[in-house]
Each structure stands twice: as structure tokens, then as C-alpha cells.
Amino acid sequence: MTAIKQEDLIASIADAFQYISYYHPLDYIAALGEAYEREENPAAKDAIAQILTNSRMSAEGHRPICQDTGIALVFIKVGMNVRWDATMSVQEMIDEGVRRAYALPDNKLRASVLADPAGKRTNTKDNTPAVVHYEVVPGDRVEIICAAKGGGSEAKAKFAMLNPSDDLVEWVLKTVPTMGAGWCPPGIIGIGIGGTPEKAMLMAKESLMAPVDIQDLKARGATSRAEELRLELYEKINALGIGAQGLGGLTTVVDVKVLDYPTHAANLPVAMIPNCAATRHVHFHLDGAGPATLEPPKLEDWPKVTWQADAATATRVDLNTLTKEQVAAWKPGQKLLLNGRMLTGRDAAHKRIADLMARGEKLPVDFANRVIYYVGPVDPVRDEAVGPAGPTTATRMDKFTRMMLEQTGLIAMVGKSERGPVAIEAIKDNKSAYLMAVGGAAYLVSKAIKSAKVVGFADLGMEAIYEFDVQDMPVTVAVDSSGESVHETGPREWRIKIGKIPLATA
């Protein structure tokens, strides 16, 4: 009987979550490199270049790929012939490993987990507890998959109880466009079919842990209905033209995963969960010989793609002297390089601003003629001004947009993915603009931030209001002062160009 020591599991979990914070799985990176070579939309190609460059920088610098270092997810299969040399429960051992990983001084990871989710939503400070899926199986070792799942992609999870006669593919093709770009494509879509509602969701999540192998499947051909669905959905989802970061293009997904399970005759449960450009998971075993050894990937295996700020193809903007007239002149899809002082703020800060203004109280900072960046950065280490600081999903701030533009004097915003109708109408009415930074390029973006200081709501931690001093921070005009959104025009244009799915279908 194999004995697994408590410290071996704890140390292995800690090492694994550090490892996946800065190493992409190479199968995903290879697939993204192939997508870069195929891509014909310049905006999407530029976004993929930023993601690939960010990935290699993170691997070299051992710093997080994304500022959202995820909720800790662990699939653990324990052999029946295993005994634990431990005083802690499996959940407690895993939580201790997560705690160590997220608090490691040389690469501290952002704690995003909140207790009392429907109440006070208090940060647990160490990203625990992990979400653990436990299974007892035959054998004499322990099999573990650790994944860090970001909130942006989790927010786009979908589930439906279809009728047995319903068209599953049709449901997927109608649902994927409703997910917008907040899940940071190009990524992977996991689909669970059958069982019960919770089983379908679990299968969708577990399917994302498998290697990217759709090209191998295309080469050998499908041998099951699940594999047939993978091939059909891979082609048809990409034919939607959503593209990298929702800008329109040839690659929305680099793979589609499908797991199924027997279900009740009256039911067809279907779950769909996306994995974002910060795809992070690692698979290892414990056999009683000590903690797991995770081999670092070779940097020469990264695609030879390097993004650099280029004033020849982008317009430099001085945020310190920016005027409403300049903002109103920006065009959809225009690439900008931001320079100067910029404020930050996310959900919690916007809510507090709204509450202060409702009570007639003074705000901690003047937003007049300023630009705000929707971000919750990782804490800095060593000589960093700030840790990885990529954009968060902008739609969460839509309900605050009109207030910020009309009552605080704000003139533009930076975030990721699309804006909804309420925000676009406010932007149009106020001749403002919304700028998109690339989700999945957090470490690259952080290198453009030369200084950072908290200027409001310090108690909110990563959700405090910062003032960043930036140099050539890359963004794209996603909504201009007339209300035109590239997240609407881009996918429509590329869906027509691809020409496989009529616009009226989804």
C-alpha cells in the first residue's frame, strides 16, 4: 500500500500553482502560434502577438500570465491502495498548498476569492478555499490536475436543459456570440452533455484539462459522436468570425472539448464553459516517492513572435493634456499608445463612488478630463512598479458609465471586451470613447506602467483606485464618440468574409 505524506501533497500543490501562474501549456501556445500565422485580420493578429509575447515574458520572468491568477481548482483521483500519512484532510492539505503558492514573496499571486458571496464578500486574503473534485479509483497512486480559472471566462459559463429532440449544435452557435469577448478568445470551449445538470457542468470543466489536439483529431478522423461534435463545432464556432479578443477574425477557438454521460430519457443537459487566453493547468502524480517534479518548458519552443510598440502604426496620446475634442476625434479600430497619468477603478470602487456621490460627499480623487483603467493588479515584487496589470471585463462597469461621464468629468475608459447598449449610449451622448487593452497580456502591459500609487479606497486592496504613470501602453479604440463598436462591426465583417454561416443563423 502506497503512503502519501502530507507535506508531499502540500508542496506539490504549492509548486503546481506557482508553475501554472507563469507557464502556459505548450500545446496551447503551439496552437496559438499556428493561429497567428493563419490570421488575416490585422487587429486580431496584433492581439495574438501581444498574448504570445506576454506568455514568453511571463515564462522568462516567472510572473503571472494574467493579473487574474484565478480560483484554485483541483481534480484529484486517489487510488484505492493509497493511505495518507497525514493529520489534515485532503481539502485542508490542498488549501495549505494553495495558501503557500499565492503568498510566495518572490511571485505573490493575486487573492481573488471572497467568502460570504451573497453577503459581505470578504476577501480570504490567500485565495483559499480551493474548489476540489475528489474521486476514488483503482490503483496505488494519486493523480492530480491543478488549474487556475479566471473570473472572466467563468462568468461566461452557460447551461441549458434542452429537449431530446433539440439541435445541440444550433444551441451552441446561438449561445457563443452571447458570451461576448469577456472570456478572452482565442481559447478553448469545453462542453458537457448528459448526466444531470451538475454532472454536465463538471464534465464541461473537466474537459478543458485535456491537451489541445484538434488538429490530430482532424488528421485521424472521428471515432465517436463526441469526436464528431468536436470537429463540427470547431469549424462552425470559428466560422462565427468572433476572432481574437472579439475583434473579428479566423480563430475564436483553438480547440473544442466534449465529454458525455448517459442521461434520463426525458432530458438533454448541455453545459458550456470557455477557457481563456490565460489557459493554466498542469497534470502530475504522487506515488509515495516524494513531491512531484514539474519540468519547466523550453523557451525555444515558444513561437518566434515578438510584439513591440510601434509609433508608425499607432498614435501616441498624452494623457496629461488630453482633451474631450481629441477623444471625440478617435476612430474605431485606431491603435493608440497611451502616455502619462491614468486612474484605475473596478466594480467595488465604482460602487463606492456612486454611494459617495448619492450622499453628496467628496470623492478621493478628481476624475475631470481623466482616463480610467478597469484593472485589479497583482502586487509588485522586486523592482516592479506594479505586478501584472491586464484589463478586466468592462461590461461590469456599464451601469456606472453614464454617472462617471456626466457627474465626474471622466472622458475615456480602458478595459477588455465589448461594452453593452447602456454604456455605448452613454459614450455616444457624451462624445467619449472606450479603449480596449488585450486580455491575456497582463505582464506585457505592466511593463508600460512606470509608477503606481494608491490614491483612493486603499482598503479595497487590488480594487483600490491607483494612479499609474504609463509609457506607450497599447490600446485600441473599441467604441468611438459616435457609438460605433468594433466588437459589433469586426465579427460581422469576418463572419461574412468566412461565409460559412449566414448572419441570420446565430
Protein backbone atom coordinates (compact mmCIF):
# COMPACT_ATOMS: atom_id res chain seq x y z
CA MET A 1 0.00 0.00 0.00
CA THR A 2 1.39 3.38 -1.05
CA ALA A 3 1.79 6.01 1.68
CA ILE A 4 1.45 9.65 0.60
CA LYS A 5 2.94 12.12 3.05
CA GLN A 6 1.07 15.25 4.00
CA GLU A 7 3.96 17.54 3.14
CA ASP A 8 4.42 15.94 -0.28
CA LEU A 9 0.87 16.81 -1.31
CA ILE A 10 1.08 20.33 0.15
CA ALA A 11 4.43 21.06 -1.53
CA SER A 12 3.25 19.63 -4.85
CA ILE A 13 0.09 21.75 -4.85
CA ALA A 14 2.11 24.87 -3.99
CA ASP A 15 4.64 24.19 -6.75
CA ALA A 16 1.88 23.47 -9.26
CA PHE A 17 0.01 26.75 -8.74
CA GLN A 18 3.23 28.73 -8.97
CA TYR A 19 4.17 26.81 -12.12
CA ILE A 20 0.90 27.46 -13.93
CA SER A 21 0.90 31.12 -12.95
CA TYR A 22 3.75 31.75 -15.41
CA TYR A 23 3.91 28.72 -17.75
CA HIS A 24 1.29 28.21 -20.41
CA PRO A 25 0.80 24.60 -21.53
CA LEU A 26 2.96 24.30 -24.64
CA ASP A 27 0.18 22.59 -26.61
CA TYR A 28 -1.93 25.73 -26.24
CA ILE A 29 0.97 28.02 -27.16
CA ALA A 30 1.76 25.96 -30.26
CA ALA A 31 -1.88 26.14 -31.35
CA LEU A 32 -1.95 29.89 -30.75
CA GLY A 33 1.23 30.28 -32.81
CA GLU A 34 -0.44 28.45 -35.69
CA ALA A 35 -3.48 30.71 -35.32
CA TYR A 36 -1.18 33.75 -35.53
CA GLU A 37 0.28 32.51 -38.81
CA ARG A 38 -3.20 31.94 -40.27
CA GLU A 39 -4.82 35.15 -39.07
CA GLU A 40 -5.76 37.70 -41.74
CA ASN A 41 -7.35 40.42 -39.59
CA PRO A 42 -4.53 42.83 -38.57
CA ALA A 43 -6.26 43.77 -35.29
CA ALA A 44 -6.70 40.13 -34.26
CA LYS A 45 -3.15 39.28 -35.37
CA ASP A 46 -1.80 42.13 -33.22
CA ALA A 47 -3.80 40.86 -30.20
CA ILE A 48 -2.45 37.32 -30.63
CA ALA A 49 1.09 38.74 -30.93
CA GLN A 50 0.62 40.51 -27.59
CA ILE A 51 -0.65 37.30 -25.94
CA LEU A 52 2.27 35.23 -27.28
CA THR A 53 4.83 37.86 -26.31
CA ASN A 54 3.28 38.15 -22.85
CA SER A 55 3.43 34.36 -22.46
CA ARG A 56 7.13 34.17 -23.18
CA MET A 57 7.85 37.19 -20.94
CA SER A 58 5.96 35.51 -18.08
CA ALA A 59 7.88 32.27 -18.58
CA GLU A 60 11.17 34.15 -18.53
CA GLY A 61 10.30 36.43 -15.60
CA HIS A 62 8.34 33.90 -13.52
CA ARG A 63 5.47 36.37 -13.14
CA PRO A 64 1.75 35.78 -13.75
CA ILE A 65 0.42 35.46 -17.27
CA CYS A 66 -2.72 37.31 -16.17
CA GLN A 67 -3.48 39.64 -13.28
CA ASP A 68 -6.45 37.39 -12.52
CA THR A 69 -4.47 34.50 -11.08
CA GLY A 70 -7.66 32.52 -10.85
CA ILE A 71 -9.68 30.49 -8.41
CA ALA A 72 -7.77 27.35 -7.42
CA LEU A 73 -9.32 24.26 -8.98
CA VAL A 74 -8.10 20.73 -8.21
CA PHE A 75 -9.19 17.40 -9.69
CA ILE A 76 -7.77 14.63 -7.50
CA LYS A 77 -8.12 10.88 -8.11
CA VAL A 78 -6.95 8.77 -5.18
CA GLY A 79 -6.02 5.13 -5.73
CA MET A 80 -7.80 2.59 -3.55
CA ASN A 81 -4.45 1.24 -2.38
CA VAL A 82 -3.26 4.63 -1.14
CA ARG A 83 -3.09 5.58 2.52
CA TRP A 84 -2.41 9.04 3.83
CA ASP A 85 0.46 9.75 6.22
CA ALA A 86 -1.30 12.92 7.33
CA THR A 87 -3.24 14.61 10.10
CA MET A 88 -5.04 17.06 7.79
CA SER A 89 -7.95 16.31 5.46
CA VAL A 90 -7.36 16.30 1.70
CA GLN A 91 -9.17 19.64 1.42
CA GLU A 92 -7.01 21.10 4.20
CA MET A 93 -3.79 19.86 2.58
CA ILE A 94 -4.78 21.30 -0.79
CA ASP A 95 -5.77 24.61 0.80
CA GLU A 96 -2.42 24.83 2.57
CA GLY A 97 -0.65 24.27 -0.75
CA VAL A 98 -2.73 26.99 -2.39
CA ARG A 99 -2.04 29.32 0.55
CA ARG A 100 1.72 28.84 0.17
CA ALA A 101 1.61 29.32 -3.59
CA TYR A 102 -0.38 32.53 -3.54
CA ALA A 103 1.70 34.10 -0.75
CA LEU A 104 5.16 33.24 -2.13
CA PRO A 105 7.10 36.50 -1.72
CA ASP A 106 9.08 36.24 -4.95
CA ASN A 107 5.93 35.75 -7.06
CA LYS A 108 2.96 36.74 -4.97
CA LEU A 109 -0.29 35.94 -6.72
CA ARG A 110 -3.49 37.97 -6.56
CA ALA A 111 -6.01 36.75 -3.99
CA SER A 112 -9.42 36.93 -5.64
CA VAL A 113 -11.54 34.55 -3.55
CA LEU A 114 -14.30 36.12 -1.44
CA ALA A 115 -16.14 34.49 1.46
CA ASP A 116 -19.85 35.17 2.10
CA PRO A 117 -20.50 35.58 -1.66
CA ALA A 118 -24.10 36.75 -1.26
CA GLY A 119 -23.30 39.00 1.71
CA LYS A 120 -20.22 40.95 2.73
CA ARG A 121 -17.98 39.33 0.06
CA THR A 122 -14.88 39.44 2.24
CA ASN A 123 -11.55 38.54 0.63
CA THR A 124 -10.00 35.46 2.24
CA LYS A 125 -6.56 37.03 1.55
CA ASP A 126 -4.88 33.77 0.43
CA ASN A 127 -7.15 32.53 -2.39
CA THR A 128 -8.48 29.66 -0.30
CA PRO A 129 -10.52 27.57 -0.18
CA ALA A 130 -9.79 25.68 -3.39
CA VAL A 131 -12.57 24.02 -5.34
CA VAL A 132 -11.75 20.31 -5.11
CA HIS A 133 -13.26 17.46 -7.11
CA TYR A 134 -12.36 14.16 -5.41
CA GLU A 135 -12.64 10.66 -6.83
CA VAL A 136 -11.53 7.26 -5.52
CA VAL A 137 -10.22 4.97 -8.29
CA PRO A 138 -8.35 1.66 -8.58
CA GLY A 139 -4.58 1.88 -8.15
CA ASP A 140 -1.77 2.80 -5.80
CA ARG A 141 -1.05 6.43 -6.63
CA VAL A 142 -2.71 9.84 -6.64
CA GLU A 143 -3.45 11.67 -9.89
CA ILE A 144 -3.84 15.45 -9.66
CA ILE A 145 -4.77 18.23 -12.05
CA CYS A 146 -4.35 21.80 -10.82
CA ALA A 147 -5.95 24.66 -12.72
CA ALA A 148 -6.25 28.40 -12.12
CA LYS A 149 -9.53 29.56 -13.65
CA GLY A 150 -10.02 33.28 -14.19
CA GLY A 151 -13.27 35.01 -13.36
CA GLY A 152 -13.79 36.48 -16.83
CA SER A 153 -14.11 33.11 -18.53
CA GLU A 154 -16.04 31.57 -15.62
CA ALA A 155 -18.60 34.37 -15.92
CA LYS A 156 -19.41 33.19 -19.44
CA ALA A 157 -20.33 29.62 -18.46
CA LYS A 158 -23.65 28.52 -19.96
CA PHE A 159 -26.10 25.72 -19.21
CA ALA A 160 -29.36 24.56 -20.77
CA MET A 161 -31.79 21.71 -20.27
CA LEU A 162 -32.61 21.01 -23.90
CA ASN A 163 -35.33 18.70 -25.11
CA PRO A 164 -34.02 15.42 -26.52
CA SER A 165 -35.17 16.48 -30.00
CA ASP A 166 -33.40 19.88 -29.85
CA ASP A 167 -30.36 20.62 -32.03
CA LEU A 168 -27.36 20.83 -29.70
CA VAL A 169 -25.10 22.39 -32.35
CA GLU A 170 -27.70 25.08 -33.03
CA TRP A 171 -27.83 25.90 -29.30
CA VAL A 172 -24.04 26.26 -29.16
CA LEU A 173 -23.89 28.50 -32.24
CA LYS A 174 -26.62 30.75 -30.85
CA THR A 175 -25.07 30.87 -27.38
CA VAL A 176 -21.38 31.50 -28.15
CA PRO A 177 -21.99 35.02 -29.58
CA THR A 178 -23.91 35.95 -26.41
CA MET A 179 -20.73 35.30 -24.41
CA GLY A 180 -19.09 38.35 -25.96
CA ALA A 181 -15.31 38.66 -25.66
CA GLY A 182 -15.03 38.73 -21.87
CA TRP A 183 -13.67 35.18 -21.91
CA CYS A 184 -10.61 36.44 -23.85
CA PRO A 185 -10.56 34.37 -27.03
CA PRO A 186 -8.76 32.65 -28.71
CA GLY A 187 -9.30 29.91 -26.17
CA ILE A 188 -10.91 26.51 -25.72
CA ILE A 189 -14.59 25.66 -25.31
CA GLY A 190 -15.49 22.73 -23.06
CA ILE A 191 -18.87 21.05 -23.46
CA GLY A 192 -20.53 18.53 -21.15
CA ILE A 193 -23.52 16.58 -22.43
CA GLY A 194 -25.85 14.37 -20.43
CA GLY A 195 -26.00 13.12 -16.88
CA THR A 196 -27.70 15.65 -14.63
CA PRO A 197 -27.28 19.44 -14.57
CA GLU A 198 -24.35 19.37 -12.14
CA LYS A 199 -22.72 16.43 -13.94
CA ALA A 200 -22.87 18.26 -17.27
CA MET A 201 -21.19 21.33 -15.75
CA LEU A 202 -18.47 19.21 -14.17
CA MET A 203 -17.77 17.42 -17.45
CA ALA A 204 -17.53 20.73 -19.31
CA LYS A 205 -14.96 21.95 -16.79
CA GLU A 206 -13.00 18.69 -16.70
CA SER A 207 -12.84 18.52 -20.50
CA LEU A 208 -10.78 21.72 -20.52
CA MET A 209 -7.96 19.92 -18.71
CA ALA A 210 -7.14 17.77 -21.76
CA PRO A 211 -4.36 18.66 -24.24
CA VAL A 212 -5.09 20.71 -27.35
CA ASP A 213 -5.29 18.05 -30.07
CA ILE A 214 -7.99 19.10 -32.53
CA GLN A 215 -5.54 19.03 -35.47
CA ASP A 216 -4.59 15.44 -34.61
CA LEU A 217 -8.29 14.56 -34.47
CA LYS A 218 -8.87 16.17 -37.87
CA ALA A 219 -6.00 14.13 -39.31
CA ARG A 220 -7.16 10.74 -37.98
CA GLY A 221 -10.92 11.29 -38.13
CA ALA A 222 -13.67 10.92 -35.52
CA THR A 223 -14.48 7.54 -33.97
CA SER A 224 -17.40 8.61 -31.73
CA ARG A 225 -20.29 11.06 -31.71
CA ALA A 226 -18.43 13.21 -29.17
CA GLU A 227 -15.46 13.48 -31.54
CA GLU A 228 -17.76 14.27 -34.46
CA LEU A 229 -19.21 17.11 -32.41
CA ARG A 230 -15.74 18.42 -31.60
CA LEU A 231 -14.85 18.67 -35.29
CA GLU A 232 -18.18 20.18 -36.31
CA LEU A 233 -18.22 22.74 -33.51
CA TYR A 234 -14.56 23.71 -34.02
CA GLU A 235 -15.26 24.62 -37.64
CA LYS A 236 -18.60 26.31 -37.02
CA ILE A 237 -17.58 28.33 -33.93
CA ASN A 238 -14.59 29.70 -35.83
CA ALA A 239 -16.89 30.47 -38.77
CA LEU A 240 -18.81 32.86 -36.48
CA GLY A 241 -15.90 35.28 -37.07
CA ILE A 242 -15.67 36.45 -33.44
CA GLY A 243 -11.88 36.23 -33.52
CA ALA A 244 -9.17 37.16 -31.06
CA GLN A 245 -10.48 39.44 -28.30
CA GLY A 246 -13.79 39.64 -30.18
CA LEU A 247 -12.26 41.90 -32.85
CA GLY A 248 -13.23 39.64 -35.73
CA GLY A 249 -11.02 37.06 -37.37
CA LEU A 250 -10.37 33.48 -38.32
CA THR A 251 -9.67 31.94 -34.90
CA THR A 252 -12.06 32.13 -31.98
CA VAL A 253 -11.21 28.71 -30.54
CA VAL A 254 -8.06 26.61 -30.87
CA ASP A 255 -9.94 23.51 -29.72
CA VAL A 256 -13.37 22.28 -28.64
CA LYS A 257 -13.65 19.57 -25.98
CA VAL A 258 -16.68 17.31 -25.46
CA LEU A 259 -17.43 14.84 -22.67
CA ASP A 260 -20.72 12.99 -22.40
CA TYR A 261 -22.54 10.72 -19.94
CA PRO A 262 -25.78 8.71 -20.00
CA THR A 263 -28.83 10.77 -19.11
CA HIS A 264 -32.55 10.47 -18.42
CA ALA A 265 -34.75 9.72 -21.43
CA ALA A 266 -36.64 13.00 -20.95
CA ASN A 267 -33.55 15.19 -20.71
CA LEU A 268 -30.63 16.61 -22.70
CA PRO A 269 -28.48 18.64 -20.26
CA VAL A 270 -25.80 20.69 -22.01
CA ALA A 271 -23.11 22.78 -20.31
CA MET A 272 -20.55 25.03 -21.99
CA ILE A 273 -17.54 26.58 -20.26
CA PRO A 274 -14.78 28.53 -22.03
CA ASN A 275 -11.09 28.59 -21.18
CA CYS A 276 -9.45 31.94 -21.85
CA ALA A 277 -6.14 33.01 -23.35
CA ALA A 278 -4.66 32.51 -19.87
CA THR A 279 -5.20 28.74 -20.11
CA ARG A 280 -3.47 27.38 -16.97
CA HIS A 281 -3.38 23.77 -15.83
CA VAL A 282 -0.84 21.04 -15.01
CA HIS A 283 -1.16 17.29 -14.52
CA PHE A 284 1.02 15.19 -12.18
CA HIS A 285 1.08 12.06 -9.99
CA LEU A 286 2.22 11.18 -6.47
CA ASP A 287 3.44 7.64 -5.81
CA GLY A 288 4.94 7.93 -2.33
CA ALA A 289 8.45 8.78 -3.56
CA GLY A 290 8.20 12.46 -2.63
CA PRO A 291 6.66 15.64 -4.04
CA ALA A 292 6.02 15.98 -7.75
CA THR A 293 8.74 17.31 -10.04
CA LEU A 294 7.45 19.71 -12.66
CA GLU A 295 9.83 20.17 -15.57
CA PRO A 296 9.96 23.73 -16.93
CA PRO A 297 9.22 24.07 -20.65
CA LYS A 298 11.96 25.17 -23.03
CA LEU A 299 11.76 28.81 -24.04
CA GLU A 300 12.89 27.94 -27.57
CA ASP A 301 9.59 26.08 -28.00
CA TRP A 302 7.63 29.36 -27.93
CA PRO A 303 6.61 30.72 -31.36
CA LYS A 304 9.05 33.30 -32.71
CA VAL A 305 6.60 36.18 -32.31
CA THR A 306 7.52 39.43 -30.55
CA TRP A 307 5.17 42.38 -30.15
CA GLN A 308 6.70 45.87 -29.83
CA ALA A 309 5.21 49.33 -29.53
CA ASP A 310 5.32 50.92 -32.99
CA ALA A 311 4.65 54.62 -33.42
CA ALA A 312 4.48 54.07 -37.18
CA THR A 313 1.23 52.09 -36.84
CA ALA A 314 -0.19 53.63 -33.65
CA THR A 315 -0.92 57.15 -32.42
CA ARG A 316 0.84 58.34 -29.27
CA VAL A 317 -1.52 60.03 -26.80
CA ASP A 318 -0.50 62.36 -23.95
CA LEU A 319 -2.95 61.63 -21.13
CA ASN A 320 -1.73 64.65 -19.15
CA THR A 321 -3.02 67.09 -21.77
CA LEU A 322 -5.82 65.02 -23.31
CA THR A 323 -8.97 66.94 -24.21
CA LYS A 324 -12.57 65.91 -24.95
CA GLU A 325 -12.08 67.16 -28.51
CA GLN A 326 -9.14 64.80 -29.04
CA VAL A 327 -11.13 61.88 -27.63
CA ALA A 328 -14.06 62.69 -29.94
CA ALA A 329 -11.74 62.52 -32.96
CA TRP A 330 -10.57 58.94 -32.36
CA LYS A 331 -11.78 56.38 -34.90
CA PRO A 332 -12.98 52.79 -34.36
CA GLY A 333 -10.10 50.32 -34.57
CA GLN A 334 -7.47 53.05 -34.24
CA LYS A 335 -4.40 51.85 -32.33
CA LEU A 336 -3.13 54.17 -29.59
CA LEU A 337 -0.09 54.24 -27.32
CA LEU A 338 -1.03 55.88 -24.01
CA ASN A 339 1.47 58.04 -22.15
CA GLY A 340 1.10 59.92 -18.88
CA ARG A 341 -1.06 59.62 -15.77
CA MET A 342 -4.11 57.38 -15.72
CA LEU A 343 -6.50 56.41 -12.91
CA THR A 344 -7.81 52.90 -12.21
CA GLY A 345 -11.04 51.54 -10.77
CA ARG A 346 -13.17 48.39 -10.87
CA ASP A 347 -16.56 47.25 -9.56
CA ALA A 348 -16.05 47.98 -5.86
CA ALA A 349 -14.55 51.42 -6.49
CA HIS A 350 -17.36 52.40 -8.86
CA LYS A 351 -19.98 51.29 -6.35
CA ARG A 352 -18.30 53.34 -3.62
CA ILE A 353 -18.06 56.38 -5.92
CA ALA A 354 -21.78 56.10 -6.63
CA ASP A 355 -22.58 55.87 -2.92
CA LEU A 356 -20.41 58.91 -2.07
CA MET A 357 -21.99 60.98 -4.80
CA ALA A 358 -25.50 59.96 -3.70
CA ARG A 359 -24.68 61.29 -0.23
CA GLY A 360 -23.13 64.46 -1.64
CA GLU A 361 -19.71 63.60 -0.24
CA LYS A 362 -16.35 64.42 -1.83
CA LEU A 363 -14.57 61.85 -3.97
CA PRO A 364 -10.99 60.90 -3.05
CA VAL A 365 -9.68 61.91 -6.48
CA ASP A 366 -10.68 64.30 -9.28
CA PHE A 367 -11.74 62.46 -12.45
CA ALA A 368 -12.17 65.59 -14.59
CA ASN A 369 -10.55 65.12 -18.02
CA ARG A 370 -9.03 61.85 -16.89
CA VAL A 371 -8.98 58.32 -18.30
CA ILE A 372 -9.82 55.33 -16.08
CA TYR A 373 -8.42 51.82 -16.49
CA TYR A 374 -10.54 48.89 -15.32
CA VAL A 375 -7.87 46.79 -13.60
CA GLY A 376 -7.04 44.96 -10.38
CA PRO A 377 -3.26 44.47 -10.50
CA VAL A 378 -1.04 41.87 -8.89
CA ASP A 379 1.16 43.21 -6.09
CA PRO A 380 4.66 44.22 -7.26
CA VAL A 381 7.81 42.27 -6.37
CA ARG A 382 11.45 43.25 -6.50
CA ASP A 383 11.85 46.47 -8.55
CA GLU A 384 8.44 46.41 -10.24
CA ALA A 385 6.23 49.49 -10.22
CA VAL A 386 3.24 47.15 -10.29
CA GLY A 387 2.65 43.47 -10.91
CA PRO A 388 0.85 42.09 -13.97
CA ALA A 389 -1.97 44.51 -14.71
CA GLY A 390 -4.17 43.42 -17.60
CA PRO A 391 -7.71 44.74 -18.12
CA THR A 392 -10.82 43.34 -16.51
CA THR A 393 -14.18 42.82 -18.25
CA ALA A 394 -15.62 46.25 -18.97
CA THR A 395 -19.31 45.31 -19.08
CA ARG A 396 -19.36 45.06 -15.29
CA MET A 397 -18.92 48.83 -15.22
CA ASP A 398 -21.64 49.55 -17.81
CA LYS A 399 -24.24 50.62 -15.25
CA PHE A 400 -21.82 53.21 -13.85
CA THR A 401 -20.69 54.64 -17.19
CA ARG A 402 -23.18 57.47 -17.58
CA MET A 403 -22.64 58.56 -13.98
CA MET A 404 -18.88 58.65 -14.42
CA LEU A 405 -19.00 60.55 -17.71
CA GLU A 406 -21.67 63.08 -16.71
CA GLN A 407 -21.02 63.61 -13.00
CA THR A 408 -17.27 63.19 -12.50
CA GLY A 409 -15.86 64.64 -15.73
CA LEU A 410 -14.23 61.39 -16.88
CA ILE A 411 -13.54 61.48 -20.65
CA ALA A 412 -12.50 57.92 -21.61
CA MET A 413 -12.21 54.37 -20.28
CA VAL A 414 -9.91 51.37 -20.83
CA GLY A 415 -10.91 47.74 -20.29
CA LYS A 416 -11.31 44.43 -22.08
CA SER A 417 -14.05 43.03 -24.30
CA GLU A 418 -17.20 44.73 -25.55
CA ARG A 419 -19.50 47.31 -23.98
CA GLY A 420 -23.26 46.82 -23.68
CA PRO A 421 -26.00 49.08 -25.10
CA VAL A 422 -26.34 51.14 -21.91
CA ALA A 423 -22.64 52.03 -21.87
CA ILE A 424 -22.45 52.65 -25.63
CA GLU A 425 -25.39 55.06 -25.47
CA ALA A 426 -23.70 56.97 -22.63
CA ILE A 427 -20.42 57.08 -24.56
CA LYS A 428 -22.21 58.40 -27.65
CA ASP A 429 -24.20 61.02 -25.71
CA ASN A 430 -21.04 62.34 -24.06
CA LYS A 431 -18.72 62.12 -27.11
CA SER A 432 -16.46 59.88 -25.08
CA ALA A 433 -14.59 56.70 -26.08
CA TYR A 434 -13.87 53.23 -24.81
CA LEU A 435 -10.42 51.76 -25.39
CA MET A 436 -9.66 48.04 -25.34
CA ALA A 437 -6.48 46.54 -23.92
CA VAL A 438 -5.68 42.90 -24.65
CA GLY A 439 -6.88 40.38 -22.09
CA GLY A 440 -4.15 37.79 -21.62
CA ALA A 441 -1.26 40.29 -21.93
CA ALA A 442 -1.07 41.41 -18.29
CA TYR A 443 2.70 41.15 -17.80
CA LEU A 444 3.36 42.91 -21.10
CA VAL A 445 1.01 45.73 -20.11
CA SER A 446 2.64 46.05 -16.69
CA LYS A 447 5.97 46.87 -18.35
CA ALA A 448 4.35 50.03 -19.73
CA ILE A 449 3.48 51.18 -16.17
CA LYS A 450 6.42 53.15 -14.82
CA SER A 451 4.95 54.13 -11.45
CA ALA A 452 1.87 53.31 -9.39
CA LYS A 453 0.40 54.72 -6.22
CA VAL A 454 -2.90 54.26 -4.40
CA VAL A 455 -4.93 57.48 -4.42
CA GLY A 456 -8.28 56.27 -3.11
CA PHE A 457 -10.07 53.47 -1.26
CA ALA A 458 -6.86 51.78 -0.09
CA ASP A 459 -8.88 49.28 1.96
CA LEU A 460 -10.16 47.70 -1.27
CA GLY A 461 -6.75 46.18 -1.96
CA MET A 462 -6.36 45.33 -5.65
CA GLU A 463 -9.70 47.11 -6.28
CA ALA A 464 -8.40 50.42 -4.86
CA ILE A 465 -8.05 53.48 -7.09
CA TYR A 466 -4.47 53.73 -8.32
CA GLU A 467 -2.75 56.38 -10.38
CA PHE A 468 -0.48 54.83 -13.00
CA ASP A 469 2.15 56.68 -15.00
CA VAL A 470 2.28 54.82 -18.30
CA GLN A 471 4.59 54.83 -21.28
CA ASP A 472 3.39 53.51 -24.64
CA MET A 473 0.60 51.36 -23.20
CA PRO A 474 -1.10 49.70 -26.21
CA VAL A 475 -4.87 50.04 -26.66
CA THR A 476 -7.39 50.01 -29.49
CA VAL A 477 -10.38 52.33 -29.90
CA ALA A 478 -13.22 49.87 -29.36
CA VAL A 479 -16.14 52.34 -29.11
CA ASP A 480 -15.77 55.80 -30.62
CA SER A 481 -17.64 59.01 -29.86
CA SER A 482 -20.36 58.15 -32.39
CA GLY A 483 -21.09 54.86 -30.60
CA GLU A 484 -19.59 52.57 -33.24
CA SER A 485 -18.24 49.39 -31.62
CA VAL A 486 -15.54 47.25 -33.24
CA HIS A 487 -16.87 44.30 -31.22
CA GLU A 488 -20.02 44.55 -33.34
CA THR A 489 -18.56 45.51 -36.72
CA GLY A 490 -15.50 43.23 -36.59
CA PRO A 491 -17.18 39.86 -36.04
CA ARG A 492 -19.94 40.75 -38.52
CA GLU A 493 -17.39 41.61 -41.20
CA TRP A 494 -15.36 38.46 -40.67
CA ARG A 495 -18.39 36.20 -40.49
CA ILE A 496 -19.36 37.46 -43.92
CA LYS A 497 -15.80 37.01 -45.21
CA ILE A 498 -15.62 33.44 -43.91
CA GLY A 499 -19.03 32.87 -45.46
CA LYS A 500 -19.97 29.56 -43.88
CA ILE A 501 -22.73 30.70 -41.51
CA PRO A 502 -25.38 33.27 -42.59
CA LEU A 503 -25.78 36.27 -40.30
CA ALA A 504 -29.38 35.30 -39.52
CA THR A 505 -28.42 31.86 -38.16
CA ALA A 506 -26.97 32.75 -34.74
